[in-house]
């Protein structure tokens, strides 16, 4: 077996958990949407990026977890494939139980704990109230502090979502 070829390795749960610990990303994006209740969408996802040569390995991950889709990262010029789980329900039913059973050991554990809390709060519909929406937004902004910068600040999200709520309330009167 060639040690550099991940596709040749036997995909045990322990190996997959270690791979997730090193390569996966738990993210929660928040972006404006005029049709959303508070003017913003909270959008959690779980992703793993790999070179297109590793498609077979990503397929093994998909089969092992029983969920997800594999996409080209951006244009067809990219050599990167992304295994992604967008469905909050699927994350709740498949990803969280797997990681809870096979805990992370790196500093990624901190982001996972926040991600897990967000998913559970959203499953409990807490994002349907302005207070819950704000609580979840604040949690999301604690994740991946050294990672990719967000397009909006937490203050913008909190302020604009509150303004949307006030405008909606006035319109109903």
C-alpha atoms as a PDB file:
ATOM      1  CA  UNK A   1       0.000   0.000   0.000  1.00  0.00           C
ATOM      2  CA  UNK A   2       1.292   3.432  -0.914  1.00  0.00           C
ATOM      3  CA  UNK A   3       1.099   5.547   2.255  1.00  0.00           C
ATOM      4  CA  UNK A   4       0.410   8.695   0.243  1.00  0.00           C
ATOM      5  CA  UNK A   5      -2.695   7.317  -1.401  1.00  0.00           C
ATOM      6  CA  UNK A   6      -5.654   7.832   0.912  1.00  0.00           C
ATOM      7  CA  UNK A   7      -7.902   5.830  -1.408  1.00  0.00           C
ATOM      8  CA  UNK A   8      -5.920   2.673  -0.658  1.00  0.00           C
ATOM      9  CA  UNK A   9      -6.432   2.921   3.103  1.00  0.00           C
ATOM     10  CA  UNK A  10      -9.159   0.977   4.820  1.00  0.00           C
ATOM     11  CA  UNK A  11     -11.781   3.493   5.916  1.00  0.00           C
ATOM     12  CA  UNK A  12     -12.466   2.595   9.532  1.00  0.00           C
ATOM     13  CA  UNK A  13     -14.583   4.827  11.755  1.00  0.00           C
ATOM     14  CA  UNK A  14     -11.475   5.730  13.736  1.00  0.00           C
ATOM     15  CA  UNK A  15      -9.552   6.662  10.592  1.00  0.00           C
ATOM     16  CA  UNK A  16     -12.494   8.713   9.306  1.00  0.00           C
ATOM     17  CA  UNK A  17     -12.782  10.513  12.654  1.00  0.00           C
ATOM     18  CA  UNK A  18      -9.083  11.390  12.548  1.00  0.00           C
ATOM     19  CA  UNK A  19      -9.406  12.550   8.958  1.00  0.00           C
ATOM     20  CA  UNK A  20     -12.392  14.736   9.873  1.00  0.00           C
ATOM     21  CA  UNK A  21     -10.358  16.149  12.762  1.00  0.00           C
ATOM     22  CA  UNK A  22      -7.594  17.154  10.362  1.00  0.00           C
ATOM     23  CA  UNK A  23      -9.398  18.030   7.139  1.00  0.00           C
ATOM     24  CA  UNK A  24     -13.098  18.781   7.681  1.00  0.00           C
ATOM     25  CA  UNK A  25     -14.691  22.167   8.185  1.00  0.00           C
ATOM     26  CA  UNK A  26     -17.725  23.009  10.289  1.00  0.00           C
ATOM     27  CA  UNK A  27     -19.081  26.345   9.179  1.00  0.00           C
ATOM     28  CA  UNK A  28     -22.128  28.492   9.717  1.00  0.00           C
ATOM     29  CA  UNK A  29     -22.595  31.264   7.203  1.00  0.00           C
ATOM     30  CA  UNK A  30     -25.009  34.119   7.727  1.00  0.00           C
ATOM     31  CA  UNK A  31     -26.105  36.000   4.647  1.00  0.00           C
ATOM     32  CA  UNK A  32     -28.842  38.473   3.776  1.00  0.00           C
ATOM     33  CA  UNK A  33     -32.071  37.208   2.282  1.00  0.00           C
ATOM     34  CA  UNK A  34     -34.992  39.625   1.854  1.00  0.00           C
ATOM     35  CA  UNK A  35     -37.484  36.743   2.087  1.00  0.00           C
ATOM     36  CA  UNK A  36     -36.163  35.473   5.435  1.00  0.00           C
ATOM     37  CA  UNK A  37     -38.067  36.285   8.613  1.00  0.00           C
ATOM     38  CA  UNK A  38     -35.286  38.486  10.012  1.00  0.00           C
ATOM     39  CA  UNK A  39     -33.710  39.383   6.661  1.00  0.00           C
ATOM     40  CA  UNK A  40     -30.872  36.872   7.111  1.00  0.00           C
ATOM     41  CA  UNK A  41     -30.342  33.139   6.598  1.00  0.00           C
ATOM     42  CA  UNK A  42     -28.272  31.037   8.998  1.00  0.00           C
ATOM     43  CA  UNK A  43     -26.723  28.317   6.887  1.00  0.00           C
ATOM     44  CA  UNK A  44     -24.646  25.557   8.559  1.00  0.00           C
ATOM     45  CA  UNK A  45     -22.637  23.063   6.550  1.00  0.00           C
ATOM     46  CA  UNK A  46     -20.030  20.344   6.923  1.00  0.00           C
ATOM     47  CA  UNK A  47     -17.351  20.089   4.230  1.00  0.00           C
ATOM     48  CA  UNK A  48     -14.198  18.218   3.309  1.00  0.00           C
ATOM     49  CA  UNK A  49     -12.038  19.443   0.409  1.00  0.00           C
ATOM     50  CA  UNK A  50      -9.674  17.156  -1.482  1.00  0.00           C
ATOM     51  CA  UNK A  51      -7.811  17.090  -4.788  1.00  0.00           C
ATOM     52  CA  UNK A  52      -9.891  15.608  -7.589  1.00  0.00           C
ATOM     53  CA  UNK A  53      -7.564  12.577  -7.599  1.00  0.00           C
ATOM     54  CA  UNK A  54      -9.169  11.665  -4.257  1.00  0.00           C
ATOM     55  CA  UNK A  55     -12.726  11.367  -5.589  1.00  0.00           C
ATOM     56  CA  UNK A  56     -12.785   7.679  -4.647  1.00  0.00           C
ATOM     57  CA  UNK A  57     -11.826   8.549  -1.084  1.00  0.00           C
ATOM     58  CA  UNK A  58     -14.579  11.188  -0.895  1.00  0.00           C
ATOM     59  CA  UNK A  59     -17.015   8.581  -2.246  1.00  0.00           C
ATOM     60  CA  UNK A  60     -15.915   6.266   0.594  1.00  0.00           C
ATOM     61  CA  UNK A  61     -16.585   9.032   3.120  1.00  0.00           C
ATOM     62  CA  UNK A  62     -20.008   9.620   1.589  1.00  0.00           C
ATOM     63  CA  UNK A  63     -20.808   5.915   1.812  1.00  0.00           C
ATOM     64  CA  UNK A  64     -19.497   5.595   5.377  1.00  0.00           C
ATOM     65  CA  UNK A  65     -21.483   8.581   6.653  1.00  0.00           C
ATOM     66  CA  UNK A  66     -24.546   7.726   4.552  1.00  0.00           C
ATOM     67  CA  UNK A  67     -24.987  11.287   3.328  1.00  0.00           C
ATOM     68  CA  UNK A  68     -23.506  14.212   1.449  1.00  0.00           C
ATOM     69  CA  UNK A  69     -22.766  15.285  -2.087  1.00  0.00           C
ATOM     70  CA  UNK A  70     -19.511  15.758  -3.965  1.00  0.00           C
ATOM     71  CA  UNK A  71     -19.024  18.915  -6.036  1.00  0.00           C
ATOM     72  CA  UNK A  72     -16.239  20.637  -7.921  1.00  0.00           C
ATOM     73  CA  UNK A  73     -15.118  23.419  -5.596  1.00  0.00           C
ATOM     74  CA  UNK A  74     -15.623  26.235  -8.101  1.00  0.00           C
ATOM     75  CA  UNK A  75     -15.023  26.266 -11.829  1.00  0.00           C
ATOM     76  CA  UNK A  76     -13.861  23.353 -13.932  1.00  0.00           C
ATOM     77  CA  UNK A  77     -10.385  24.919 -13.724  1.00  0.00           C
ATOM     78  CA  UNK A  78     -10.229  23.852 -10.088  1.00  0.00           C
ATOM     79  CA  UNK A  79      -8.585  20.602  -9.102  1.00  0.00           C
ATOM     80  CA  UNK A  80     -10.502  20.537  -5.821  1.00  0.00           C
ATOM     81  CA  UNK A  81     -13.586  18.501  -4.975  1.00  0.00           C
ATOM     82  CA  UNK A  82     -15.783  19.241  -1.997  1.00  0.00           C
ATOM     83  CA  UNK A  83     -17.765  16.689  -0.018  1.00  0.00           C
ATOM     84  CA  UNK A  84     -20.594  18.697   1.549  1.00  0.00           C
ATOM     85  CA  UNK A  85     -23.557  18.122   3.827  1.00  0.00           C
ATOM     86  CA  UNK A  86     -25.880  21.146   3.677  1.00  0.00           C
ATOM     87  CA  UNK A  87     -29.032  19.691   5.183  1.00  0.00           C
ATOM     88  CA  UNK A  88     -29.367  20.682   8.820  1.00  0.00           C
ATOM     89  CA  UNK A  89     -31.498  17.616   9.462  1.00  0.00           C
ATOM     90  CA  UNK A  90     -28.874  15.317   7.920  1.00  0.00           C
ATOM     91  CA  UNK A  91     -26.113  17.002   9.913  1.00  0.00           C
ATOM     92  CA  UNK A  92     -28.229  16.451  13.041  1.00  0.00           C
ATOM     93  CA  UNK A  93     -29.031  12.813  12.215  1.00  0.00           C
ATOM     94  CA  UNK A  94     -25.737  11.641  10.671  1.00  0.00           C
ATOM     95  CA  UNK A  95     -22.767  13.932  11.291  1.00  0.00           C
ATOM     96  CA  UNK A  96     -23.331  14.876  14.939  1.00  0.00           C
ATOM     97  CA  UNK A  97     -23.903  11.267  16.115  1.00  0.00           C
ATOM     98  CA  UNK A  98     -20.784  10.074  14.260  1.00  0.00           C
ATOM     99  CA  UNK A  99     -18.556  12.754  15.769  1.00  0.00           C
ATOM    100  CA  UNK A 100     -20.122  12.410  19.210  1.00  0.00           C
ATOM    101  CA  UNK A 101     -19.270   8.692  19.062  1.00  0.00           C
ATOM    102  CA  UNK A 102     -15.744   9.416  17.721  1.00  0.00           C
ATOM    103  CA  UNK A 103     -14.693  12.677  19.438  1.00  0.00           C
ATOM    104  CA  UNK A 104     -12.296  15.149  17.881  1.00  0.00           C
ATOM    105  CA  UNK A 105      -8.950  15.718  19.590  1.00  0.00           C
ATOM    106  CA  UNK A 106      -7.531  18.817  17.907  1.00  0.00           C
ATOM    107  CA  UNK A 107      -8.444  22.448  18.474  1.00  0.00           C
ATOM    108  CA  UNK A 108     -11.224  21.835  15.910  1.00  0.00           C
ATOM    109  CA  UNK A 109     -13.142  20.313  18.828  1.00  0.00           C
ATOM    110  CA  UNK A 110     -13.979  23.848  20.016  1.00  0.00           C
ATOM    111  CA  UNK A 111     -15.578  24.797  16.681  1.00  0.00           C
ATOM    112  CA  UNK A 112     -17.413  21.466  16.574  1.00  0.00           C
ATOM    113  CA  UNK A 113     -18.930  22.077  20.020  1.00  0.00           C
ATOM    114  CA  UNK A 114     -20.260  25.458  18.873  1.00  0.00           C
ATOM    115  CA  UNK A 115     -21.435  24.000  15.539  1.00  0.00           C
ATOM    116  CA  UNK A 116     -23.207  21.188  17.410  1.00  0.00           C
ATOM    117  CA  UNK A 117     -24.931  23.674  19.718  1.00  0.00           C
ATOM    118  CA  UNK A 118     -26.085  25.750  16.720  1.00  0.00           C
ATOM    119  CA  UNK A 119     -27.492  22.698  14.927  1.00  0.00           C
ATOM    120  CA  UNK A 120     -29.371  21.559  18.044  1.00  0.00           C
ATOM    121  CA  UNK A 121     -30.742  25.058  18.688  1.00  0.00           C
ATOM    122  CA  UNK A 122     -31.898  25.278  15.065  1.00  0.00           C
ATOM    123  CA  UNK A 123     -33.489  21.821  15.255  1.00  0.00           C
ATOM    124  CA  UNK A 124     -35.382  23.175  18.265  1.00  0.00           C
ATOM    125  CA  UNK A 125     -36.483  26.145  16.079  1.00  0.00           C
ATOM    126  CA  UNK A 126     -34.740  28.707  18.297  1.00  0.00           C
ATOM    127  CA  UNK A 127     -33.736  30.675  15.188  1.00  0.00           C
ATOM    128  CA  UNK A 128     -37.454  31.417  14.690  1.00  0.00           C
ATOM    129  CA  UNK A 129     -37.412  34.073  17.410  1.00  0.00           C
ATOM    130  CA  UNK A 130     -35.301  37.215  17.245  1.00  0.00           C
ATOM    131  CA  UNK A 131     -33.675  36.345  20.582  1.00  0.00           C
ATOM    132  CA  UNK A 132     -32.783  32.842  19.387  1.00  0.00           C
ATOM    133  CA  UNK A 133     -31.603  34.170  16.022  1.00  0.00           C
ATOM    134  CA  UNK A 134     -29.276  36.616  17.803  1.00  0.00           C
ATOM    135  CA  UNK A 135     -28.017  33.903  20.183  1.00  0.00           C
ATOM    136  CA  UNK A 136     -27.186  31.605  17.252  1.00  0.00           C
ATOM    137  CA  UNK A 137     -25.561  34.434  15.264  1.00  0.00           C
ATOM    138  CA  UNK A 138     -23.322  35.256  18.231  1.00  0.00           C
ATOM    139  CA  UNK A 139     -22.312  31.597  18.492  1.00  0.00           C
ATOM    140  CA  UNK A 140     -21.559  31.410  14.756  1.00  0.00           C
ATOM    141  CA  UNK A 141     -19.243  34.400  14.988  1.00  0.00           C
ATOM    142  CA  UNK A 142     -17.203  32.590  17.660  1.00  0.00           C
ATOM    143  CA  UNK A 143     -16.339  29.827  15.191  1.00  0.00           C
ATOM    144  CA  UNK A 144     -13.152  29.676  13.092  1.00  0.00           C
ATOM    145  CA  UNK A 145     -11.794  33.020  14.337  1.00  0.00           C
ATOM    146  CA  UNK A 146      -8.571  32.620  12.314  1.00  0.00           C
ATOM    147  CA  UNK A 147     -10.383  31.364   9.222  1.00  0.00           C
ATOM    148  CA  UNK A 148     -11.903  33.070   6.221  1.00  0.00           C
ATOM    149  CA  UNK A 149     -13.249  36.495   7.082  1.00  0.00           C
ATOM    150  CA  UNK A 150     -16.981  37.051   7.078  1.00  0.00           C
ATOM    151  CA  UNK A 151     -18.617  39.423   4.618  1.00  0.00           C
ATOM    152  CA  UNK A 152     -20.692  41.022   7.406  1.00  0.00           C
ATOM    153  CA  UNK A 153     -19.878  41.887  10.991  1.00  0.00           C
ATOM    154  CA  UNK A 154     -21.855  40.519  13.907  1.00  0.00           C
ATOM    155  CA  UNK A 155     -23.051  44.068  14.660  1.00  0.00           C
ATOM    156  CA  UNK A 156     -24.448  44.402  11.113  1.00  0.00           C
ATOM    157  CA  UNK A 157     -26.304  41.092  11.397  1.00  0.00           C
ATOM    158  CA  UNK A 158     -27.758  41.930  14.822  1.00  0.00           C
ATOM    159  CA  UNK A 159     -28.701  45.491  13.903  1.00  0.00           C
ATOM    160  CA  UNK A 160     -30.228  44.728  10.506  1.00  0.00           C
ATOM    161  CA  UNK A 161     -32.138  41.680  11.774  1.00  0.00           C
ATOM    162  CA  UNK A 162     -33.600  43.811  14.575  1.00  0.00           C
ATOM    163  CA  UNK A 163     -34.551  46.520  12.061  1.00  0.00           C
ATOM    164  CA  UNK A 164     -36.254  43.913   9.860  1.00  0.00           C
ATOM    165  CA  UNK A 165     -38.207  42.706  12.884  1.00  0.00           C
ATOM    166  CA  UNK A 166     -39.308  46.264  13.769  1.00  0.00           C
ATOM    167  CA  UNK A 167     -40.364  46.953  10.157  1.00  0.00           C
ATOM    168  CA  UNK A 168     -42.319  43.694   9.983  1.00  0.00           C
ATOM    169  CA  UNK A 169     -44.055  44.450  13.265  1.00  0.00           C
ATOM    170  CA  UNK A 170     -45.035  47.967  12.051  1.00  0.00           C
ATOM    171  CA  UNK A 171     -46.358  46.581   8.762  1.00  0.00           C
ATOM    172  CA  UNK A 172     -48.654  44.158  10.609  1.00  0.00           C
ATOM    173  CA  UNK A 173     -50.307  46.928  12.646  1.00  0.00           C
END
